[in-house]
Amino acid sequence: MGKNESDIYYRSFMFDELFINTFSLVKNFTLVDVTRLYNLWQFIEQSQKLAPGAYLEVGVWHGGSGCLMAKKLQLLNDSSTFYLCDTFQGVVNATDVDTFYSGGEHADTDIAIVEHLAGMMKLENIEILQGIFPKDTAT
């Protein structure tokens, strides 16, 4: 596959207008890059072949990737609930075994930020769970 062909293959999201429109809403609310977001977008559609169920994202920060996936569910007329779980206090329970986090990273968030994004996107299929998953949020 030539260079131009591979660029088109790996950037196929550029031809998905619904994704581009949704990405434009969430891009400032996520730490996830556009290619990985498109993979999550496609995952939601592919998951429709499985038995119905709920969806869960643990560690949502400002809610961008979770709201993007919830929007895809909404566009597919899927009534599944998308759970967004976070402490909204940054990384907790980091240990010396963790080579990337020491604790407290991504604390620059608040549940109101996620609620704002969900409201802006008119998402009614999400539920925000605040606390450590599953210790504090399992029901």
C-alpha atoms as a PDB file:
ATOM      1  CA  MET A   1       0.000   0.000   0.000  1.00  0.00           C
ATOM      2  CA  GLY A   2       1.476   3.352  -1.019  1.00  0.00           C
ATOM      3  CA  LYS A   3       1.871   6.304   1.304  1.00  0.00           C
ATOM      4  CA  ASN A   4      -1.248   8.108   0.060  1.00  0.00           C
ATOM      5  CA  GLU A   5      -3.334   4.942   0.320  1.00  0.00           C
ATOM      6  CA  SER A   6      -2.232   4.304   3.898  1.00  0.00           C
ATOM      7  CA  ASP A   7      -2.986   7.913   4.857  1.00  0.00           C
ATOM      8  CA  ILE A   8      -6.545   7.445   3.589  1.00  0.00           C
ATOM      9  CA  TYR A   9      -6.870   4.063   5.330  1.00  0.00           C
ATOM     10  CA  TYR A  10      -5.691   5.354   8.687  1.00  0.00           C
ATOM     11  CA  ARG A  11      -7.635   8.605   8.391  1.00  0.00           C
ATOM     12  CA  SER A  12     -10.915   7.182   7.175  1.00  0.00           C
ATOM     13  CA  PHE A  13     -12.628   9.245   9.883  1.00  0.00           C
ATOM     14  CA  MET A  14     -12.226  12.230   7.567  1.00  0.00           C
ATOM     15  CA  PHE A  15     -15.034  10.786   5.427  1.00  0.00           C
ATOM     16  CA  ASP A  16     -17.453  10.203   8.307  1.00  0.00           C
ATOM     17  CA  GLU A  17     -19.422  13.437   8.643  1.00  0.00           C
ATOM     18  CA  LEU A  18     -21.325  12.360  11.771  1.00  0.00           C
ATOM     19  CA  PHE A  19     -18.048  11.508  13.491  1.00  0.00           C
ATOM     20  CA  ILE A  20     -16.396  14.783  12.440  1.00  0.00           C
ATOM     21  CA  ASN A  21     -19.375  16.773  13.729  1.00  0.00           C
ATOM     22  CA  THR A  22     -19.347  14.911  17.042  1.00  0.00           C
ATOM     23  CA  PHE A  23     -15.558  15.127  17.332  1.00  0.00           C
ATOM     24  CA  SER A  24     -15.763  18.901  16.938  1.00  0.00           C
ATOM     25  CA  LEU A  25     -17.935  18.994  20.087  1.00  0.00           C
ATOM     26  CA  VAL A  26     -15.739  16.752  22.259  1.00  0.00           C
ATOM     27  CA  LYS A  27     -12.184  17.503  21.095  1.00  0.00           C
ATOM     28  CA  ASN A  28     -11.530  19.984  23.918  1.00  0.00           C
ATOM     29  CA  PHE A  29     -12.991  17.606  26.533  1.00  0.00           C
ATOM     30  CA  THR A  30     -10.712  14.610  25.968  1.00  0.00           C
ATOM     31  CA  LEU A  31      -7.100  13.520  26.198  1.00  0.00           C
ATOM     32  CA  VAL A  32      -7.702  10.880  23.500  1.00  0.00           C
ATOM     33  CA  ASP A  33      -6.467  11.539  19.960  1.00  0.00           C
ATOM     34  CA  VAL A  34      -8.792  11.631  16.947  1.00  0.00           C
ATOM     35  CA  THR A  35      -7.726   8.243  15.573  1.00  0.00           C
ATOM     36  CA  ARG A  36      -8.427   6.439  18.849  1.00  0.00           C
ATOM     37  CA  LEU A  37     -11.711   8.295  19.217  1.00  0.00           C
ATOM     38  CA  TYR A  38     -12.724   7.067  15.790  1.00  0.00           C
ATOM     39  CA  ASN A  39     -11.843   3.516  16.857  1.00  0.00           C
ATOM     40  CA  LEU A  40     -14.168   3.924  19.857  1.00  0.00           C
ATOM     41  CA  TRP A  41     -16.861   5.365  17.559  1.00  0.00           C
ATOM     42  CA  GLN A  42     -16.594   2.298  15.323  1.00  0.00           C
ATOM     43  CA  PHE A  43     -16.500  -0.039  18.330  1.00  0.00           C
ATOM     44  CA  ILE A  44     -19.923   1.198  19.428  1.00  0.00           C
ATOM     45  CA  GLU A  45     -21.390   0.356  16.032  1.00  0.00           C
ATOM     46  CA  GLN A  46     -19.678  -3.035  15.924  1.00  0.00           C
ATOM     47  CA  SER A  47     -20.926  -3.847  19.418  1.00  0.00           C
ATOM     48  CA  GLN A  48     -24.483  -3.691  18.085  1.00  0.00           C
ATOM     49  CA  LYS A  49     -23.941  -7.243  16.803  1.00  0.00           C
ATOM     50  CA  LEU A  50     -23.666  -8.460  20.413  1.00  0.00           C
ATOM     51  CA  ALA A  51     -26.382  -8.952  22.987  1.00  0.00           C
ATOM     52  CA  PRO A  52     -27.770  -5.683  24.359  1.00  0.00           C
ATOM     53  CA  GLY A  53     -26.178  -4.309  27.496  1.00  0.00           C
ATOM     54  CA  ALA A  54     -24.763  -1.277  29.234  1.00  0.00           C
ATOM     55  CA  TYR A  55     -21.491   0.528  28.514  1.00  0.00           C
ATOM     56  CA  LEU A  56     -18.964   1.842  31.036  1.00  0.00           C
ATOM     57  CA  GLU A  57     -15.976   4.152  30.839  1.00  0.00           C
ATOM     58  CA  VAL A  58     -13.806   4.339  33.941  1.00  0.00           C
ATOM     59  CA  GLY A  59     -11.770   7.532  34.188  1.00  0.00           C
ATOM     60  CA  VAL A  60     -13.633  10.114  32.119  1.00  0.00           C
ATOM     61  CA  TRP A  61     -11.747  13.343  32.953  1.00  0.00           C
ATOM     62  CA  HIS A  62     -13.896  15.952  31.105  1.00  0.00           C
ATOM     63  CA  GLY A  63     -16.144  13.353  29.449  1.00  0.00           C
ATOM     64  CA  GLY A  64     -15.145  13.724  25.793  1.00  0.00           C
ATOM     65  CA  SER A  65     -14.614  10.104  24.785  1.00  0.00           C
ATOM     66  CA  GLY A  66     -17.530   8.804  26.848  1.00  0.00           C
ATOM     67  CA  CYS A  67     -19.917  11.419  25.464  1.00  0.00           C
ATOM     68  CA  LEU A  68     -18.700  10.670  21.929  1.00  0.00           C
ATOM     69  CA  MET A  69     -19.536   6.983  22.396  1.00  0.00           C
ATOM     70  CA  ALA A  70     -22.876   7.796  24.044  1.00  0.00           C
ATOM     71  CA  LYS A  71     -23.703  10.027  21.071  1.00  0.00           C
ATOM     72  CA  LYS A  72     -22.990   7.145  18.684  1.00  0.00           C
ATOM     73  CA  LEU A  73     -25.371   4.944  20.693  1.00  0.00           C
ATOM     74  CA  GLN A  74     -27.986   7.671  20.463  1.00  0.00           C
ATOM     75  CA  LEU A  75     -27.518   7.974  16.692  1.00  0.00           C
ATOM     76  CA  LEU A  76     -27.967   4.199  16.400  1.00  0.00           C
ATOM     77  CA  ASN A  77     -31.235   4.440  18.364  1.00  0.00           C
ATOM     78  CA  ASP A  78     -29.741   2.194  21.035  1.00  0.00           C
ATOM     79  CA  SER A  79     -31.377   2.768  24.419  1.00  0.00           C
ATOM     80  CA  SER A  80     -28.441   1.335  26.393  1.00  0.00           C
ATOM     81  CA  THR A  81     -27.122   3.374  29.290  1.00  0.00           C
ATOM     82  CA  PHE A  82     -23.569   4.675  29.038  1.00  0.00           C
ATOM     83  CA  TYR A  83     -22.020   4.967  32.500  1.00  0.00           C
ATOM     84  CA  LEU A  84     -19.274   7.541  33.024  1.00  0.00           C
ATOM     85  CA  CYS A  85     -17.291   6.762  36.160  1.00  0.00           C
ATOM     86  CA  ASP A  86     -14.655   8.993  37.731  1.00  0.00           C
ATOM     87  CA  THR A  87     -13.503  10.201  41.132  1.00  0.00           C
ATOM     88  CA  PHE A  88     -13.252  13.759  39.771  1.00  0.00           C
ATOM     89  CA  GLN A  89     -10.223  14.059  42.050  1.00  0.00           C
ATOM     90  CA  GLY A  90      -7.547  12.921  39.624  1.00  0.00           C
ATOM     91  CA  VAL A  91      -5.653   9.642  39.687  1.00  0.00           C
ATOM     92  CA  VAL A  92      -6.130   7.844  42.997  1.00  0.00           C
ATOM     93  CA  ASN A  93      -4.501   4.720  44.370  1.00  0.00           C
ATOM     94  CA  ALA A  94      -1.312   5.060  42.314  1.00  0.00           C
ATOM     95  CA  THR A  95       1.505   2.903  43.669  1.00  0.00           C
ATOM     96  CA  ASP A  96       5.256   2.724  43.185  1.00  0.00           C
ATOM     97  CA  VAL A  97       4.639  -0.064  40.659  1.00  0.00           C
ATOM     98  CA  ASP A  98       2.960   2.465  38.339  1.00  0.00           C
ATOM     99  CA  THR A  99       5.599   3.948  36.052  1.00  0.00           C
ATOM    100  CA  PHE A 100       3.417   6.732  34.662  1.00  0.00           C
ATOM    101  CA  TYR A 101       1.249   8.076  37.482  1.00  0.00           C
ATOM    102  CA  SER A 102       2.191   9.032  41.028  1.00  0.00           C
ATOM    103  CA  GLY A 103      -1.258  10.273  42.087  1.00  0.00           C
ATOM    104  CA  GLY A 104      -3.354  13.380  41.589  1.00  0.00           C
ATOM    105  CA  GLU A 105      -2.861  13.724  37.827  1.00  0.00           C
ATOM    106  CA  HIS A 106      -5.942  14.866  35.852  1.00  0.00           C
ATOM    107  CA  ALA A 107      -7.489  16.483  38.936  1.00  0.00           C
ATOM    108  CA  ASP A 108      -8.395  19.494  36.780  1.00  0.00           C
ATOM    109  CA  THR A 109     -11.931  18.218  36.306  1.00  0.00           C
ATOM    110  CA  ASP A 110     -15.331  18.439  37.867  1.00  0.00           C
ATOM    111  CA  ILE A 111     -18.579  16.576  37.414  1.00  0.00           C
ATOM    112  CA  ALA A 112     -20.152  19.854  36.214  1.00  0.00           C
ATOM    113  CA  ILE A 113     -17.820  19.869  33.184  1.00  0.00           C
ATOM    114  CA  VAL A 114     -19.095  16.450  32.106  1.00  0.00           C
ATOM    115  CA  GLU A 115     -22.700  17.434  32.786  1.00  0.00           C
ATOM    116  CA  HIS A 116     -22.211  20.562  30.670  1.00  0.00           C
ATOM    117  CA  LEU A 117     -20.837  18.573  27.731  1.00  0.00           C
ATOM    118  CA  ALA A 118     -23.610  15.965  27.976  1.00  0.00           C
ATOM    119  CA  GLY A 119     -26.217  18.718  28.066  1.00  0.00           C
ATOM    120  CA  MET A 120     -24.661  20.520  25.124  1.00  0.00           C
ATOM    121  CA  MET A 121     -24.796  17.246  23.151  1.00  0.00           C
ATOM    122  CA  LYS A 122     -28.375  16.523  24.304  1.00  0.00           C
ATOM    123  CA  LEU A 123     -27.377  13.147  25.739  1.00  0.00           C
ATOM    124  CA  GLU A 124     -30.021  11.500  27.866  1.00  0.00           C
ATOM    125  CA  ASN A 125     -28.448   8.037  27.796  1.00  0.00           C
ATOM    126  CA  ILE A 126     -25.624   8.652  30.265  1.00  0.00           C
ATOM    127  CA  GLU A 127     -25.332   8.225  33.987  1.00  0.00           C
ATOM    128  CA  ILE A 128     -22.385   9.709  35.865  1.00  0.00           C
ATOM    129  CA  LEU A 129     -20.995   7.630  38.723  1.00  0.00           C
ATOM    130  CA  GLN A 130     -18.722   9.553  41.087  1.00  0.00           C
ATOM    131  CA  GLY A 131     -16.176   7.585  43.108  1.00  0.00           C
ATOM    132  CA  ILE A 132     -13.688   4.755  42.758  1.00  0.00           C
ATOM    133  CA  PHE A 133     -14.914   1.965  40.504  1.00  0.00           C
ATOM    134  CA  PRO A 134     -16.111  -0.562  41.566  1.00  0.00           C
ATOM    135  CA  LYS A 135     -15.511   0.072  45.278  1.00  0.00           C
ATOM    136  CA  ASP A 136     -17.686   3.187  45.547  1.00  0.00           C
ATOM    137  CA  THR A 137     -19.895   2.963  42.473  1.00  0.00           C
ATOM    138  CA  ALA A 138     -20.979  -0.661  42.059  1.00  0.00           C
ATOM    139  CA  THR A 139     -24.678  -1.206  42.595  1.00  0.00           C
END
